[in-house]
Amino acid sequence: MTQVLLAEDDVAISEPLARALRRQGYVVVVAPTGPTALAGATDSDLIVLDLGLPEMDGLEVCRRVRSGGLQTPVIVLTARSAEVDAIVGLDAGADDYVTKPFRLGELLARIRALLRRGPAVGELVVQDVRVDVGGHRAFRGDQELILSAKQFELLTALMRRAGTVVTRQELMQEVWQTSWMGSSKTVDMHVSWLRRKLGDDAMSPRYIRTVRGVGFSFEVE
C-alpha cells in the first residue's frame, strides 16, 4: 500500500483531505507539526507538506529530508499570496507545489504523477548521454548540457523509458502535471529545443525519434 504523509496543522484541511486520499486507496498518516512530519518522512512514499507548520516550518522539514538523503516525492502547500515561498520550497528540494485554496482533483492528479515517476534514480545512462537525477545535471559525453527545468524533466522522462515510445499525453502528465492536450505544440517545441541542446537531427535522429501521431522515443542505439 502506498503511504502518504500529510503534514498539515489545520484540521479543516487535513481531515477532509485525508478522507479523500484514503478513498483513493492510500494509507494516510497525518502530521500536525514539523517534528512529527520529519519523523514520519522515512516510512512514507510521498509527502504533502504545508509550509506553515508549527515548531518547525515546512521549508526546514524539506531541507532536512533532502539533507538526510531521502528522495521521497514532496508536494508543498502554500497560500496563494505567498507563491515566493513555493519557489523557495522548490529550491529546498520539493518536487511540486499547490497553492491554497486548491482543487482536490488537481492535487490528486499531481500526487499520481509524482508517484508514477517511481523512486529517484541516481543516474541514467543511454548511449553517451548521462543524467544525474539527484544533482539535476545532464551530460553528452564530457560536455555538460545547459537545460531548462522542463528540458531536464523531459530528457529524464524519455531516458527512463529509453527504447519505448512515450506518448505526448504521458509527457504532458509527467512533465507539466496536466492532461490537457488541446495542442501538442508545447511538447513538440520543448522536444525541438532539447534536440538542439543534444546536437540531434530530427530528420536523422540519433537520440530522440518522433513516432508520428503518437509521441517520442529515446533511442537505445
N, C-alpha and C. Protein backbone atom coordinates (compact mmCIF):
# COMPACT_ATOMS: atom_id res chain seq x y z
N MET A 1 0.84 -1.19 0.00
CA MET A 1 0.00 0.00 0.00
C MET A 1 0.88 1.25 0.00
N THR A 2 0.47 2.24 -0.78
CA THR A 2 1.22 3.49 -0.86
C THR A 2 0.86 4.37 0.33
N GLN A 3 1.88 4.81 1.06
CA GLN A 3 1.65 5.65 2.24
C GLN A 3 1.95 7.10 1.93
N VAL A 4 0.96 7.96 2.21
CA VAL A 4 1.11 9.40 2.03
C VAL A 4 1.19 10.05 3.40
N LEU A 5 2.23 10.84 3.61
CA LEU A 5 2.36 11.63 4.83
C LEU A 5 1.75 13.00 4.57
N LEU A 6 0.71 13.34 5.30
CA LEU A 6 0.04 14.62 5.16
C LEU A 6 0.46 15.51 6.33
N ALA A 7 1.37 16.43 6.06
CA ALA A 7 1.89 17.32 7.10
C ALA A 7 1.11 18.63 7.04
N GLU A 8 0.10 18.73 7.86
CA GLU A 8 -0.82 19.88 7.84
C GLU A 8 -1.41 20.05 9.23
N ASP A 9 -1.33 21.27 9.79
CA ASP A 9 -1.81 21.51 11.14
C ASP A 9 -3.25 22.00 11.19
N ASP A 10 -3.80 22.41 10.07
CA ASP A 10 -5.18 22.92 10.02
C ASP A 10 -6.12 21.74 9.80
N VAL A 11 -6.88 21.37 10.83
CA VAL A 11 -7.75 20.19 10.73
C VAL A 11 -8.85 20.39 9.70
N ALA A 12 -9.21 21.65 9.42
CA ALA A 12 -10.23 21.91 8.40
C ALA A 12 -9.74 21.49 7.02
N ILE A 13 -8.43 21.40 6.86
CA ILE A 13 -7.83 20.94 5.61
C ILE A 13 -7.43 19.48 5.71
N SER A 14 -6.77 19.12 6.81
CA SER A 14 -6.19 17.78 6.91
C SER A 14 -7.24 16.68 6.98
N GLU A 15 -8.35 16.91 7.70
CA GLU A 15 -9.33 15.84 7.86
C GLU A 15 -10.04 15.48 6.55
N PRO A 16 -10.61 16.46 5.81
CA PRO A 16 -11.25 16.08 4.54
C PRO A 16 -10.26 15.59 3.49
N LEU A 17 -9.05 16.14 3.51
CA LEU A 17 -8.04 15.70 2.54
C LEU A 17 -7.60 14.28 2.84
N ALA A 18 -7.43 13.96 4.12
CA ALA A 18 -7.06 12.59 4.50
C ALA A 18 -8.14 11.60 4.08
N ARG A 19 -9.42 11.98 4.26
CA ARG A 19 -10.52 11.10 3.84
C ARG A 19 -10.48 10.88 2.33
N ALA A 20 -10.25 11.96 1.58
CA ALA A 20 -10.22 11.85 0.12
C ALA A 20 -9.07 10.95 -0.34
N LEU A 21 -7.92 11.08 0.30
CA LEU A 21 -6.76 10.26 -0.06
C LEU A 21 -7.02 8.79 0.27
N ARG A 22 -7.66 8.55 1.40
CA ARG A 22 -7.97 7.15 1.77
C ARG A 22 -8.97 6.54 0.80
N ARG A 23 -9.91 7.35 0.30
CA ARG A 23 -10.85 6.84 -0.70
C ARG A 23 -10.14 6.45 -1.99
N GLN A 24 -8.98 7.08 -2.23
CA GLN A 24 -8.19 6.74 -3.41
C GLN A 24 -7.32 5.50 -3.19
N GLY A 25 -7.36 4.95 -1.98
CA GLY A 25 -6.62 3.73 -1.70
C GLY A 25 -5.29 3.93 -1.02
N TYR A 26 -4.97 5.19 -0.63
CA TYR A 26 -3.70 5.45 0.04
C TYR A 26 -3.82 5.24 1.54
N VAL A 27 -2.73 4.81 2.15
CA VAL A 27 -2.61 4.85 3.60
C VAL A 27 -2.15 6.26 3.96
N VAL A 28 -2.86 6.92 4.85
CA VAL A 28 -2.56 8.32 5.17
C VAL A 28 -2.13 8.46 6.63
N VAL A 29 -1.00 9.11 6.83
CA VAL A 29 -0.53 9.46 8.17
C VAL A 29 -0.52 10.98 8.26
N VAL A 30 -1.24 11.53 9.24
CA VAL A 30 -1.33 12.98 9.41
C VAL A 30 -0.31 13.43 10.44
N ALA A 31 0.48 14.43 10.08
CA ALA A 31 1.48 15.00 10.99
C ALA A 31 1.16 16.49 11.17
N PRO A 32 0.77 16.92 12.38
CA PRO A 32 0.35 18.31 12.58
C PRO A 32 1.48 19.28 12.91
N THR A 33 2.71 18.77 13.08
CA THR A 33 3.84 19.65 13.41
C THR A 33 5.05 19.28 12.54
N GLY A 34 6.01 20.18 12.49
CA GLY A 34 7.23 19.91 11.74
C GLY A 34 7.99 18.69 12.24
N PRO A 35 8.25 18.57 13.54
CA PRO A 35 8.99 17.41 14.04
C PRO A 35 8.29 16.08 13.75
N THR A 36 6.95 16.04 13.87
CA THR A 36 6.26 14.78 13.58
C THR A 36 6.30 14.47 12.09
N ALA A 37 6.29 15.51 11.26
CA ALA A 37 6.43 15.30 9.81
C ALA A 37 7.79 14.72 9.49
N LEU A 38 8.82 15.29 10.09
CA LEU A 38 10.18 14.80 9.86
C LEU A 38 10.33 13.35 10.32
N ALA A 39 9.71 13.03 11.45
CA ALA A 39 9.81 11.67 11.98
C ALA A 39 9.10 10.66 11.07
N GLY A 40 8.03 11.08 10.40
CA GLY A 40 7.27 10.16 9.56
C GLY A 40 7.75 10.08 8.13
N ALA A 41 8.70 10.92 7.75
CA ALA A 41 9.12 11.00 6.35
C ALA A 41 9.75 9.70 5.85
N THR A 42 10.53 9.05 6.70
CA THR A 42 11.28 7.87 6.28
C THR A 42 10.37 6.74 5.80
N ASP A 43 9.22 6.59 6.42
CA ASP A 43 8.32 5.47 6.13
C ASP A 43 7.28 5.80 5.06
N SER A 44 7.35 6.98 4.46
CA SER A 44 6.32 7.41 3.52
C SER A 44 6.78 7.32 2.07
N ASP A 45 5.81 7.15 1.18
CA ASP A 45 6.09 7.09 -0.27
C ASP A 45 5.94 8.45 -0.93
N LEU A 46 5.21 9.36 -0.28
CA LEU A 46 5.04 10.72 -0.78
C LEU A 46 4.65 11.60 0.39
N ILE A 47 5.09 12.87 0.35
CA ILE A 47 4.80 13.81 1.43
C ILE A 47 4.05 15.01 0.86
N VAL A 48 2.88 15.30 1.45
CA VAL A 48 2.17 16.55 1.17
C VAL A 48 2.48 17.46 2.34
N LEU A 49 3.19 18.56 2.07
CA LEU A 49 3.84 19.33 3.15
C LEU A 49 3.37 20.78 3.16
N ASP A 50 2.65 21.14 4.22
CA ASP A 50 2.28 22.54 4.42
C ASP A 50 3.51 23.32 4.86
N LEU A 51 3.69 24.51 4.28
CA LEU A 51 4.88 25.29 4.64
C LEU A 51 4.73 25.97 6.01
N GLY A 52 3.49 26.13 6.49
CA GLY A 52 3.27 26.87 7.73
C GLY A 52 3.11 25.99 8.94
N LEU A 53 3.89 24.95 9.06
CA LEU A 53 3.78 24.04 10.21
C LEU A 53 4.33 24.68 11.49
N PRO A 54 3.74 24.35 12.64
CA PRO A 54 4.30 24.85 13.91
C PRO A 54 5.53 24.06 14.34
N GLU A 55 6.33 24.69 15.20
CA GLU A 55 7.54 24.11 15.81
C GLU A 55 8.71 23.99 14.83
N MET A 56 8.46 23.59 13.61
CA MET A 56 9.49 23.56 12.56
C MET A 56 8.76 23.76 11.24
N ASP A 57 9.07 24.83 10.50
CA ASP A 57 8.28 25.10 9.29
C ASP A 57 8.58 24.09 8.18
N GLY A 58 7.70 24.08 7.18
CA GLY A 58 7.81 23.10 6.11
C GLY A 58 9.10 23.19 5.32
N LEU A 59 9.63 24.40 5.16
CA LEU A 59 10.89 24.56 4.42
C LEU A 59 12.03 23.82 5.14
N GLU A 60 12.07 23.97 6.45
CA GLU A 60 13.12 23.29 7.21
C GLU A 60 12.92 21.78 7.18
N VAL A 61 11.67 21.33 7.24
CA VAL A 61 11.40 19.90 7.13
C VAL A 61 11.92 19.38 5.79
N CYS A 62 11.60 20.10 4.72
CA CYS A 62 12.03 19.66 3.39
C CYS A 62 13.55 19.64 3.29
N ARG A 63 14.21 20.66 3.80
CA ARG A 63 15.68 20.69 3.76
C ARG A 63 16.28 19.50 4.51
N ARG A 64 15.72 19.18 5.66
CA ARG A 64 16.27 18.08 6.46
C ARG A 64 15.99 16.73 5.80
N VAL A 65 14.82 16.61 5.18
CA VAL A 65 14.51 15.36 4.46
C VAL A 65 15.54 15.14 3.36
N ARG A 66 15.84 16.19 2.59
CA ARG A 66 16.78 16.05 1.48
C ARG A 66 18.22 15.90 1.98
N SER A 67 18.59 16.64 3.02
CA SER A 67 19.96 16.53 3.53
C SER A 67 20.22 15.16 4.13
N GLY A 68 19.13 14.48 4.55
CA GLY A 68 19.27 13.13 5.08
C GLY A 68 19.34 12.07 4.01
N GLY A 69 19.26 12.49 2.74
CA GLY A 69 19.40 11.55 1.63
C GLY A 69 18.09 10.96 1.13
N LEU A 70 16.95 11.33 1.73
CA LEU A 70 15.67 10.81 1.27
C LEU A 70 15.24 11.48 -0.03
N GLN A 71 14.84 10.68 -1.02
CA GLN A 71 14.36 11.22 -2.29
C GLN A 71 12.85 11.07 -2.43
N THR A 72 12.15 10.91 -1.30
CA THR A 72 10.69 10.80 -1.30
C THR A 72 10.08 12.03 -1.98
N PRO A 73 9.14 11.84 -2.92
CA PRO A 73 8.49 12.99 -3.57
C PRO A 73 7.80 13.89 -2.55
N VAL A 74 7.95 15.21 -2.74
CA VAL A 74 7.35 16.19 -1.82
C VAL A 74 6.54 17.20 -2.61
N ILE A 75 5.28 17.37 -2.22
CA ILE A 75 4.43 18.44 -2.75
C ILE A 75 4.19 19.43 -1.62
N VAL A 76 4.55 20.69 -1.82
CA VAL A 76 4.33 21.68 -0.78
C VAL A 76 3.01 22.41 -1.01
N LEU A 77 2.35 22.76 0.10
CA LEU A 77 1.12 23.55 0.07
C LEU A 77 1.45 24.94 0.59
N THR A 78 1.01 25.96 -0.15
CA THR A 78 1.30 27.32 0.26
C THR A 78 0.13 28.22 -0.06
N ALA A 79 0.00 29.33 0.67
CA ALA A 79 -1.07 30.28 0.41
C ALA A 79 -0.84 30.97 -0.93
N ARG A 80 -1.93 31.31 -1.61
CA ARG A 80 -1.82 31.93 -2.92
C ARG A 80 -1.02 33.22 -2.88
N SER A 81 -1.08 33.94 -1.75
CA SER A 81 -0.38 35.22 -1.63
C SER A 81 1.10 35.05 -1.35
N ALA A 82 1.56 33.80 -1.20
CA ALA A 82 2.96 33.57 -0.83
C ALA A 82 3.63 32.61 -1.81
N GLU A 83 3.40 32.83 -3.12
CA GLU A 83 3.98 31.92 -4.10
C GLU A 83 5.51 31.98 -4.09
N VAL A 84 6.06 33.10 -3.61
CA VAL A 84 7.52 33.17 -3.50
C VAL A 84 8.01 32.09 -2.54
N ASP A 85 7.20 31.77 -1.51
CA ASP A 85 7.57 30.70 -0.58
C ASP A 85 7.60 29.35 -1.30
N ALA A 86 6.69 29.18 -2.28
CA ALA A 86 6.67 27.94 -3.03
C ALA A 86 7.95 27.79 -3.84
N ILE A 87 8.43 28.88 -4.40
CA ILE A 87 9.67 28.85 -5.16
C ILE A 87 10.84 28.49 -4.24
N VAL A 88 10.84 29.07 -3.05
CA VAL A 88 11.87 28.71 -2.07
C VAL A 88 11.75 27.24 -1.70
N GLY A 89 10.49 26.76 -1.61
CA GLY A 89 10.27 25.36 -1.31
C GLY A 89 10.85 24.45 -2.37
N LEU A 90 10.70 24.81 -3.63
CA LEU A 90 11.28 24.02 -4.71
C LEU A 90 12.81 24.03 -4.60
N ASP A 91 13.35 25.19 -4.26
CA ASP A 91 14.80 25.28 -4.08
C ASP A 91 15.26 24.41 -2.90
N ALA A 92 14.38 24.23 -1.92
CA ALA A 92 14.74 23.42 -0.75
C ALA A 92 14.67 21.92 -1.05
N GLY A 93 14.13 21.58 -2.23
CA GLY A 93 14.10 20.17 -2.61
C GLY A 93 12.73 19.60 -2.89
N ALA A 94 11.67 20.43 -2.80
CA ALA A 94 10.33 19.94 -3.12
C ALA A 94 10.23 19.65 -4.62
N ASP A 95 9.33 18.74 -4.96
CA ASP A 95 9.15 18.36 -6.36
C ASP A 95 8.05 19.16 -7.05
N ASP A 96 7.10 19.66 -6.28
CA ASP A 96 5.96 20.38 -6.86
C ASP A 96 5.32 21.20 -5.76
N TYR A 97 4.41 22.11 -6.15
CA TYR A 97 3.68 22.86 -5.14
C TYR A 97 2.26 23.13 -5.63
N VAL A 98 1.35 23.29 -4.68
CA VAL A 98 -0.04 23.62 -4.95
C VAL A 98 -0.41 24.77 -4.03
N THR A 99 -1.09 25.78 -4.57
CA THR A 99 -1.46 26.95 -3.77
C THR A 99 -2.84 26.74 -3.16
N LYS A 100 -3.00 27.26 -1.94
CA LYS A 100 -4.30 27.23 -1.25
C LYS A 100 -5.10 28.48 -1.63
N PRO A 101 -6.41 28.36 -1.77
CA PRO A 101 -7.20 27.13 -1.72
C PRO A 101 -6.98 26.32 -3.00
N PHE A 102 -6.82 25.02 -2.88
CA PHE A 102 -6.53 24.18 -4.04
C PHE A 102 -7.75 23.35 -4.42
N ARG A 103 -7.75 22.91 -5.67
CA ARG A 103 -8.80 22.00 -6.13
C ARG A 103 -8.34 20.58 -5.84
N LEU A 104 -9.21 19.80 -5.22
CA LEU A 104 -8.85 18.44 -4.82
C LEU A 104 -8.40 17.61 -6.01
N GLY A 105 -9.12 17.72 -7.12
CA GLY A 105 -8.78 16.93 -8.30
C GLY A 105 -7.38 17.23 -8.81
N GLU A 106 -6.99 18.52 -8.75
CA GLU A 106 -5.65 18.90 -9.20
C GLU A 106 -4.58 18.30 -8.30
N LEU A 107 -4.80 18.40 -6.98
CA LEU A 107 -3.82 17.85 -6.05
C LEU A 107 -3.68 16.34 -6.22
N LEU A 108 -4.80 15.63 -6.37
CA LEU A 108 -4.74 14.18 -6.56
C LEU A 108 -4.01 13.83 -7.86
N ALA A 109 -4.22 14.62 -8.91
CA ALA A 109 -3.53 14.36 -10.18
C ALA A 109 -2.03 14.55 -10.03
N ARG A 110 -1.62 15.56 -9.28
CA ARG A 110 -0.20 15.81 -9.07
C ARG A 110 0.44 14.71 -8.22
N ILE A 111 -0.31 14.21 -7.25
CA ILE A 111 0.18 13.09 -6.45
C ILE A 111 0.39 11.87 -7.32
N ARG A 112 -0.59 11.55 -8.17
CA ARG A 112 -0.47 10.39 -9.05
C ARG A 112 0.72 10.54 -9.99
N ALA A 113 0.91 11.76 -10.52
CA ALA A 113 2.01 11.99 -11.46
C ALA A 113 3.37 11.76 -10.79
N LEU A 114 3.52 12.25 -9.55
CA LEU A 114 4.79 12.07 -8.85
C LEU A 114 5.02 10.61 -8.48
N LEU A 115 3.97 9.91 -8.08
CA LEU A 115 4.13 8.51 -7.72
C LEU A 115 4.46 7.65 -8.94
N ARG A 116 3.96 8.04 -10.12
CA ARG A 116 4.26 7.28 -11.33
C ARG A 116 5.73 7.37 -11.70
N ARG A 117 6.38 8.45 -11.27
CA ARG A 117 7.80 8.57 -11.59
C ARG A 117 8.64 7.49 -10.89
N GLY A 118 8.09 6.96 -9.80
CA GLY A 118 8.82 5.93 -9.07
C GLY A 118 9.93 6.56 -8.25
N PRO A 119 10.70 5.72 -7.56
CA PRO A 119 11.80 6.24 -6.74
C PRO A 119 12.85 6.90 -7.61
N ALA A 120 13.50 7.90 -7.07
CA ALA A 120 14.52 8.60 -7.83
C ALA A 120 15.67 7.67 -8.18
N VAL A 121 16.15 7.79 -9.39
CA VAL A 121 17.29 7.01 -9.84
C VAL A 121 18.52 7.89 -9.77
N GLY A 122 19.61 7.36 -9.22
CA GLY A 122 20.81 8.17 -9.08
C GLY A 122 21.36 8.65 -10.40
N GLU A 123 21.39 7.76 -11.39
CA GLU A 123 21.97 8.13 -12.67
C GLU A 123 21.32 7.33 -13.79
N LEU A 124 21.05 8.00 -14.90
CA LEU A 124 20.54 7.36 -16.11
C LEU A 124 21.60 7.51 -17.19
N VAL A 125 21.92 6.42 -17.88
CA VAL A 125 22.91 6.47 -18.95
C VAL A 125 22.34 5.74 -20.17
N VAL A 126 22.23 6.44 -21.29
CA VAL A 126 21.81 5.84 -22.56
C VAL A 126 22.71 6.42 -23.65
N GLN A 127 23.30 5.53 -24.43
CA GLN A 127 24.32 5.93 -25.40
C GLN A 127 25.40 6.74 -24.65
N ASP A 128 25.70 7.95 -25.14
CA ASP A 128 26.70 8.77 -24.46
C ASP A 128 26.07 9.90 -23.66
N VAL A 129 24.76 9.77 -23.39
CA VAL A 129 24.05 10.79 -22.61
C VAL A 129 23.87 10.27 -21.19
N ARG A 130 24.22 11.11 -20.23
CA ARG A 130 24.15 10.73 -18.81
C ARG A 130 23.38 11.79 -18.05
N VAL A 131 22.44 11.34 -17.22
CA VAL A 131 21.65 12.26 -16.39
C VAL A 131 21.90 11.93 -14.92
N ASP A 132 22.36 12.91 -14.18
CA ASP A 132 22.49 12.80 -12.73
C ASP A 132 21.19 13.34 -12.14
N VAL A 133 20.27 12.42 -11.79
CA VAL A 133 18.93 12.83 -11.38
C VAL A 133 18.98 13.66 -10.10
N GLY A 134 19.68 13.16 -9.10
CA GLY A 134 19.75 13.87 -7.83
C GLY A 134 20.43 15.22 -7.94
N GLY A 135 21.48 15.28 -8.74
CA GLY A 135 22.21 16.53 -8.92
C GLY A 135 21.62 17.46 -9.94
N HIS A 136 20.58 16.99 -10.65
CA HIS A 136 19.89 17.79 -11.67
C HIS A 136 20.87 18.32 -12.72
N ARG A 137 21.73 17.38 -13.21
CA ARG A 137 22.71 17.74 -14.25
C ARG A 137 22.66 16.69 -15.35
N ALA A 138 22.95 17.12 -16.57
CA ALA A 138 22.93 16.21 -17.72
C ALA A 138 24.18 16.44 -18.56
N PHE A 139 24.67 15.36 -19.18
CA PHE A 139 25.91 15.43 -19.95
C PHE A 139 25.76 14.64 -21.25
N ARG A 140 26.40 15.12 -22.30
CA ARG A 140 26.59 14.33 -23.52
C ARG A 140 28.08 14.17 -23.70
N GLY A 141 28.54 12.94 -23.49
CA GLY A 141 29.97 12.72 -23.42
C GLY A 141 30.52 13.44 -22.21
N ASP A 142 31.56 14.24 -22.41
CA ASP A 142 32.15 15.01 -21.31
C ASP A 142 31.58 16.41 -21.21
N GLN A 143 30.65 16.75 -22.10
CA GLN A 143 30.11 18.12 -22.14
C GLN A 143 28.81 18.21 -21.35
N GLU A 144 28.76 19.15 -20.41
CA GLU A 144 27.52 19.34 -19.65
C GLU A 144 26.51 20.08 -20.51
N LEU A 145 25.26 19.61 -20.46
CA LEU A 145 24.18 20.23 -21.21
C LEU A 145 23.52 21.30 -20.34
N ILE A 146 23.33 22.48 -20.88
CA ILE A 146 22.68 23.57 -20.15
C ILE A 146 21.20 23.51 -20.50
N LEU A 147 20.40 22.94 -19.59
CA LEU A 147 18.99 22.70 -19.85
C LEU A 147 18.12 23.50 -18.89
N SER A 148 16.95 23.91 -19.40
CA SER A 148 15.94 24.49 -18.50
C SER A 148 15.36 23.37 -17.65
N ALA A 149 14.58 23.75 -16.63
CA ALA A 149 13.98 22.74 -15.74
C ALA A 149 13.09 21.78 -16.53
N LYS A 150 12.27 22.31 -17.44
CA LYS A 150 11.36 21.45 -18.21
C LYS A 150 12.13 20.58 -19.20
N GLN A 151 13.19 21.12 -19.80
CA GLN A 151 14.00 20.31 -20.71
C GLN A 151 14.65 19.16 -19.95
N PHE A 152 15.12 19.43 -18.73
CA PHE A 152 15.73 18.37 -17.92
C PHE A 152 14.69 17.30 -17.58
N GLU A 153 13.49 17.71 -17.18
CA GLU A 153 12.44 16.75 -16.83
C GLU A 153 12.03 15.94 -18.05
N LEU A 154 11.97 16.60 -19.21
CA LEU A 154 11.60 15.91 -20.44
C LEU A 154 12.65 14.87 -20.80
N LEU A 155 13.92 15.26 -20.73
CA LEU A 155 15.01 14.32 -21.02
C LEU A 155 14.96 13.13 -20.06
N THR A 156 14.75 13.41 -18.78
CA THR A 156 14.70 12.34 -17.78
C THR A 156 13.53 11.40 -18.05
N ALA A 157 12.36 11.97 -18.38
CA ALA A 157 11.18 11.14 -18.66
C ALA A 157 11.42 10.22 -19.86
N LEU A 158 12.07 10.73 -20.90
CA LEU A 158 12.34 9.92 -22.09
C LEU A 158 13.40 8.86 -21.81
N MET A 159 14.44 9.23 -21.07
CA MET A 159 15.53 8.29 -20.81
C MET A 159 15.12 7.19 -19.83
N ARG A 160 14.20 7.48 -18.92
CA ARG A 160 13.72 6.44 -18.00
C ARG A 160 13.10 5.29 -18.78
N ARG A 161 12.50 5.63 -19.93
CA ARG A 161 11.82 4.60 -20.74
C ARG A 161 12.48 4.49 -22.11
N ALA A 162 13.79 4.59 -22.13
CA ALA A 162 14.54 4.52 -23.39
C ALA A 162 14.19 3.24 -24.14
N GLY A 163 14.05 3.38 -25.46
CA GLY A 163 13.73 2.24 -26.30
C GLY A 163 12.24 1.98 -26.45
N THR A 164 11.41 2.73 -25.71
CA THR A 164 9.96 2.59 -25.84
C THR A 164 9.37 3.94 -26.22
N VAL A 165 8.16 3.91 -26.77
CA VAL A 165 7.50 5.15 -27.19
C VAL A 165 6.75 5.75 -26.01
N VAL A 166 7.03 7.03 -25.73
CA VAL A 166 6.32 7.76 -24.67
C VAL A 166 5.35 8.71 -25.37
N THR A 167 4.07 8.59 -25.08
CA THR A 167 3.08 9.40 -25.78
C THR A 167 3.14 10.86 -25.33
N ARG A 168 2.59 11.73 -26.16
CA ARG A 168 2.51 13.14 -25.79
C ARG A 168 1.66 13.32 -24.53
N GLN A 169 0.58 12.55 -24.43
CA GLN A 169 -0.26 12.64 -23.23
C GLN A 169 0.52 12.28 -21.97
N GLU A 170 1.34 11.24 -22.04
CA GLU A 170 2.15 10.83 -20.89
C GLU A 170 3.15 11.91 -20.52
N LEU A 171 3.75 12.54 -21.53
CA LEU A 171 4.72 13.59 -21.26
C LEU A 171 4.05 14.82 -20.66
N MET A 172 2.86 15.18 -21.17
CA MET A 172 2.14 16.31 -20.60
C MET A 172 1.82 16.06 -19.13
N GLN A 173 1.43 14.82 -18.81
CA GLN A 173 1.08 14.50 -17.43
C GLN A 173 2.30 14.48 -16.53
N GLU A 174 3.39 13.88 -17.02
CA GLU A 174 4.57 13.70 -16.18
C GLU A 174 5.38 14.97 -16.02
N VAL A 175 5.55 15.72 -17.10
CA VAL A 175 6.42 16.90 -17.07
C VAL A 175 5.65 18.17 -16.70
N TRP A 176 4.42 18.29 -17.23
CA TRP A 176 3.64 19.51 -16.98
C TRP A 176 2.50 19.29 -15.99
N GLN A 177 2.34 18.06 -15.46
CA GLN A 177 1.29 17.73 -14.50
C GLN A 177 -0.10 18.14 -14.97
N THR A 178 -0.37 17.93 -16.24
CA THR A 178 -1.70 18.20 -16.78
C THR A 178 -2.01 17.19 -17.86
N SER A 179 -3.30 16.91 -18.01
CA SER A 179 -3.73 16.01 -19.09
C SER A 179 -4.30 16.80 -20.25
N TRP A 180 -4.23 18.14 -20.19
CA TRP A 180 -4.79 18.97 -21.26
C TRP A 180 -3.98 18.79 -22.53
N MET A 181 -4.67 18.40 -23.59
CA MET A 181 -3.99 18.15 -24.86
C MET A 181 -4.64 18.92 -25.98
N GLY A 182 -5.07 20.15 -25.68
CA GLY A 182 -5.68 20.98 -26.72
C GLY A 182 -4.71 21.26 -27.85
N SER A 183 -3.42 21.23 -27.56
CA SER A 183 -2.40 21.42 -28.58
C SER A 183 -1.16 20.66 -28.17
N SER A 184 -0.49 20.07 -29.15
CA SER A 184 0.74 19.34 -28.86
C SER A 184 1.96 20.23 -29.04
N LYS A 185 1.73 21.52 -29.30
CA LYS A 185 2.86 22.40 -29.61
C LYS A 185 3.81 22.54 -28.44
N THR A 186 3.30 22.51 -27.21
CA THR A 186 4.17 22.66 -26.05
C THR A 186 5.20 21.54 -26.00
N VAL A 187 4.75 20.29 -26.13
CA VAL A 187 5.66 19.16 -26.10
C VAL A 187 6.62 19.22 -27.29
N ASP A 188 6.08 19.44 -28.48
CA ASP A 188 6.91 19.44 -29.69
C ASP A 188 7.97 20.54 -29.64
N MET A 189 7.59 21.69 -29.11
CA MET A 189 8.54 22.80 -29.01
C MET A 189 9.68 22.45 -28.06
N HIS A 190 9.36 21.87 -26.91
CA HIS A 190 10.40 21.51 -25.95
C HIS A 190 11.28 20.37 -26.47
N VAL A 191 10.69 19.43 -27.20
CA VAL A 191 11.50 18.37 -27.80
C VAL A 191 12.46 18.97 -28.81
N SER A 192 11.99 19.94 -29.60
CA SER A 192 12.85 20.60 -30.59
C SER A 192 14.02 21.29 -29.92
N TRP A 193 13.75 21.99 -28.81
CA TRP A 193 14.83 22.67 -28.08
C TRP A 193 15.79 21.65 -27.49
N LEU A 194 15.25 20.55 -26.96
CA LEU A 194 16.09 19.52 -26.36
C LEU A 194 16.98 18.88 -27.42
N ARG A 195 16.43 18.62 -28.59
CA ARG A 195 17.24 18.07 -29.68
C ARG A 195 18.41 19.01 -30.01
N ARG A 196 18.10 20.30 -30.03
CA ARG A 196 19.14 21.28 -30.35
C ARG A 196 20.27 21.22 -29.32
N LYS A 197 19.90 21.08 -28.04
CA LYS A 197 20.92 21.01 -27.00
C LYS A 197 21.76 19.72 -27.14
N LEU A 198 21.13 18.65 -27.61
CA LEU A 198 21.83 17.38 -27.79
C LEU A 198 22.61 17.31 -29.10
N GLY A 199 22.41 18.31 -29.97
CA GLY A 199 23.05 18.27 -31.29
C GLY A 199 22.43 17.21 -32.18
N ASP A 200 21.13 16.96 -31.97
CA ASP A 200 20.42 15.90 -32.69
C ASP A 200 19.76 16.46 -33.94
N ASP A 201 19.45 15.58 -34.88
CA ASP A 201 18.83 15.95 -36.15
C ASP A 201 17.49 15.24 -36.26
N ALA A 202 16.41 16.02 -36.32
CA ALA A 202 15.07 15.42 -36.37
C ALA A 202 14.87 14.54 -37.60
N MET A 203 15.55 14.86 -38.70
CA MET A 203 15.39 14.09 -39.93
C MET A 203 16.17 12.78 -39.88
N SER A 204 17.25 12.77 -39.12
CA SER A 204 18.05 11.55 -38.97
C SER A 204 18.49 11.45 -37.51
N PRO A 205 17.53 11.13 -36.63
CA PRO A 205 17.79 11.25 -35.19
C PRO A 205 18.73 10.18 -34.65
N ARG A 206 19.63 10.63 -33.81
CA ARG A 206 20.49 9.71 -33.08
C ARG A 206 19.90 9.43 -31.69
N TYR A 207 19.24 10.44 -31.12
CA TYR A 207 18.76 10.32 -29.75
C TYR A 207 17.23 10.24 -29.66
N ILE A 208 16.54 11.27 -30.15
CA ILE A 208 15.09 11.34 -29.96
C ILE A 208 14.37 11.14 -31.30
N ARG A 209 13.63 10.05 -31.37
CA ARG A 209 12.90 9.71 -32.60
C ARG A 209 11.43 10.08 -32.42
N THR A 210 10.86 10.74 -33.42
CA THR A 210 9.44 11.06 -33.42
C THR A 210 8.65 9.88 -33.99
N VAL A 211 7.65 9.46 -33.25
CA VAL A 211 6.73 8.43 -33.75
C VAL A 211 5.46 9.17 -34.12
N ARG A 212 5.26 9.36 -35.42
CA ARG A 212 4.21 10.24 -35.91
C ARG A 212 2.84 9.87 -35.34
N GLY A 213 2.17 10.88 -34.82
CA GLY A 213 0.82 10.69 -34.29
C GLY A 213 0.76 10.06 -32.91
N VAL A 214 1.93 9.73 -32.35
CA VAL A 214 1.93 9.05 -31.04
C VAL A 214 2.77 9.82 -30.02
N GLY A 215 4.08 9.89 -30.25
CA GLY A 215 4.96 10.54 -29.28
C GLY A 215 6.41 10.44 -29.68
N PHE A 216 7.27 10.14 -28.69
CA PHE A 216 8.71 10.16 -28.93
C PHE A 216 9.39 8.99 -28.24
N SER A 217 10.53 8.62 -28.75
CA SER A 217 11.31 7.53 -28.16
C SER A 217 12.78 7.95 -28.10
N PHE A 218 13.40 7.72 -26.94
CA PHE A 218 14.84 7.95 -26.82
C PHE A 218 15.53 6.67 -27.28
N GLU A 219 16.34 6.77 -28.34
CA GLU A 219 16.93 5.60 -28.97
C GLU A 219 18.01 4.97 -28.10
N VAL A 220 17.99 3.66 -28.00
CA VAL A 220 18.98 2.95 -27.21
C VAL A 220 20.28 2.84 -27.99
N GLU A 221 20.21 2.65 -29.27
CA GLU A 221 21.42 2.57 -30.12
C GLU A 221 21.34 3.65 -31.20
